[in-house]
Amino acid sequence: MNDTQQTTQVMPLLAKETRALPVRLTTKEVEVQSRRMAELLGEITEEESAIKAAKAASKGKLEGMHEEVQRLRGNVMLREETRQVECELRADTVAGLARCFRNDDGSETANRPLTVEEKQLKLEGLS
């Protein structure tokens, strides 16, 4: 019996309790905990990779959403958007112009000088 054990036997017992105190690990416990630590490190690496991939995907998705918001904002502010509209290019032989007209409302969208070939069509009676 050591000195501490002898001293405690003389003292009256007040209470029994459990406390968190350092305890030396056995060789088997060190082996088990080492394996678990290696497993966790592998899982951490996998999880970090998944987070990076998800973050990149989310970033791309957010960028697309921001682009769409900007497009919609412009449409709303101007109260219009660019769409594909059927048009007809007609020869104005009096003015010497090729004029482009929208089929949906008939307005002229553009004009340019008639080419030599387009002027030739008039002479041939095909205009």
Protein backbone atom coordinates (compact mmCIF):
# COMPACT_ATOMS: atom_id res chain seq x y z
CA MET A 1 0.00 0.00 0.00
CA ASN A 2 1.38 3.46 -0.94
CA ASP A 3 1.18 6.66 1.11
CA THR A 4 -1.89 7.97 -0.75
CA GLN A 5 -3.80 4.73 -0.17
CA GLN A 6 -2.90 4.73 3.52
CA THR A 7 -3.98 8.38 3.92
CA THR A 8 -7.34 7.82 2.21
CA GLN A 9 -8.14 4.91 4.50
CA VAL A 10 -7.88 7.20 7.54
CA MET A 11 -10.16 9.88 6.08
CA PRO A 12 -13.90 9.42 6.34
CA LEU A 13 -15.75 8.95 2.97
CA LEU A 14 -17.96 11.89 2.07
CA ALA A 15 -19.26 10.74 -1.32
CA LYS A 16 -18.47 8.70 -4.41
CA GLU A 17 -18.45 10.51 -7.77
CA THR A 18 -17.27 10.07 -11.33
CA ARG A 19 -14.89 12.59 -12.89
CA ALA A 20 -13.30 12.98 -16.32
CA LEU A 21 -9.61 12.28 -15.71
CA PRO A 22 -6.70 11.20 -17.97
CA VAL A 23 -6.36 7.41 -18.35
CA ARG A 24 -3.51 5.73 -20.21
CA LEU A 25 -4.68 4.05 -23.46
CA THR A 26 -3.95 0.41 -24.09
CA THR A 27 -2.11 -0.63 -27.25
CA LYS A 28 -5.41 -1.95 -28.66
CA GLU A 29 -7.21 1.35 -27.89
CA VAL A 30 -4.44 3.31 -29.63
CA GLU A 31 -4.78 1.03 -32.67
CA VAL A 32 -8.59 1.40 -32.80
CA GLN A 33 -8.45 5.17 -32.41
CA SER A 34 -5.70 5.46 -35.03
CA ARG A 35 -7.82 3.54 -37.54
CA ARG A 36 -10.84 5.73 -36.79
CA MET A 37 -8.74 8.89 -37.18
CA ALA A 38 -7.50 7.68 -40.60
CA GLU A 39 -11.08 6.92 -41.68
CA LEU A 40 -12.23 10.37 -40.59
CA LEU A 41 -9.38 12.09 -42.43
CA GLY A 42 -10.45 10.28 -45.61
CA GLU A 43 -14.08 11.27 -45.06
CA ILE A 44 -13.05 14.88 -44.41
CA THR A 45 -11.14 14.97 -47.70
CA GLU A 46 -14.16 13.55 -49.56
CA GLU A 47 -16.55 15.99 -47.88
CA GLU A 48 -14.30 18.97 -48.64
CA SER A 49 -14.15 17.91 -52.30
CA ALA A 50 -17.94 17.59 -52.39
CA ILE A 51 -18.31 21.03 -50.83
CA LYS A 52 -15.95 22.55 -53.41
CA ALA A 53 -17.88 20.92 -56.26
CA ALA A 54 -21.22 22.04 -54.82
CA LYS A 55 -19.87 25.54 -54.30
CA ALA A 56 -18.67 25.71 -57.92
CA ALA A 57 -22.04 24.46 -59.16
CA SER A 58 -23.89 26.94 -56.97
CA LYS A 59 -21.64 29.76 -58.12
CA GLY A 60 -22.42 28.94 -61.77
CA LYS A 61 -26.11 28.73 -60.98
CA LEU A 62 -26.02 32.08 -59.16
CA GLU A 63 -24.19 33.72 -62.06
CA GLY A 64 -26.89 32.49 -64.44
CA MET A 65 -29.59 33.81 -62.12
CA HIS A 66 -27.89 37.22 -61.92
CA GLU A 67 -27.63 37.36 -65.71
CA GLU A 68 -31.32 36.58 -66.06
CA VAL A 69 -32.24 39.22 -63.47
CA GLN A 70 -30.23 41.81 -65.44
CA ARG A 71 -31.93 40.79 -68.68
CA LEU A 72 -35.38 40.97 -67.09
CA ARG A 73 -34.54 44.30 -65.45
CA GLY A 74 -33.65 45.77 -68.82
CA ASN A 75 -36.83 44.39 -70.39
CA VAL A 76 -38.98 45.82 -67.61
CA MET A 77 -37.29 49.22 -67.67
CA LEU A 78 -37.56 49.52 -71.46
CA ARG A 79 -40.89 47.68 -71.55
CA GLU A 80 -39.59 45.60 -74.47
CA GLU A 81 -37.35 42.67 -75.30
CA THR A 82 -35.56 41.48 -78.38
CA ARG A 83 -37.30 38.57 -80.15
CA GLN A 84 -37.13 36.92 -83.55
CA VAL A 85 -39.73 38.63 -85.75
CA GLU A 86 -40.60 37.67 -89.32
CA CYS A 87 -39.79 40.50 -91.76
CA GLU A 88 -39.98 41.18 -95.48
CA LEU A 89 -37.30 42.91 -97.49
CA ARG A 90 -38.95 44.93 -100.26
CA ALA A 91 -37.45 46.90 -103.13
CA ASP A 92 -38.40 50.61 -103.20
CA THR A 93 -37.37 51.20 -106.80
CA VAL A 94 -38.43 54.86 -106.71
CA ALA A 95 -36.08 55.65 -103.80
CA GLY A 96 -33.51 53.04 -104.85
CA LEU A 97 -33.68 51.35 -101.44
CA ALA A 98 -34.23 47.89 -100.05
CA ARG A 99 -36.59 48.37 -97.10
CA CYS A 100 -37.16 45.86 -94.28
CA PHE A 101 -40.70 45.72 -92.83
CA ARG A 102 -41.89 43.82 -89.75
CA ASN A 103 -44.72 41.36 -90.49
CA ASP A 104 -46.30 41.83 -87.04
CA ASP A 105 -46.94 45.59 -87.23
CA GLY A 106 -45.77 46.63 -90.71
CA SER A 107 -43.21 49.15 -89.46
CA GLU A 108 -39.94 49.70 -91.29
CA THR A 109 -36.96 48.46 -89.30
CA ALA A 110 -34.10 49.22 -91.69
CA ASN A 111 -33.21 50.22 -95.22
CA ARG A 112 -30.17 50.23 -97.48
CA PRO A 113 -29.35 51.03 -101.08
CA LEU A 114 -30.45 48.43 -103.62
CA THR A 115 -27.60 46.30 -104.91
CA VAL A 116 -26.82 46.16 -108.62
CA GLU A 117 -28.42 42.71 -108.77
CA GLU A 118 -31.60 43.99 -107.06
CA LYS A 119 -31.81 46.93 -109.49
CA GLN A 120 -31.41 44.47 -112.38
CA LEU A 121 -34.50 42.56 -111.16
CA LYS A 122 -36.59 45.70 -111.83
CA LEU A 123 -35.32 45.97 -115.35
CA GLU A 124 -36.20 42.34 -115.94
CA GLY A 125 -39.72 42.96 -114.65
CA LEU A 126 -39.38 40.71 -111.61
CA SER A 127 -39.92 43.35 -108.95
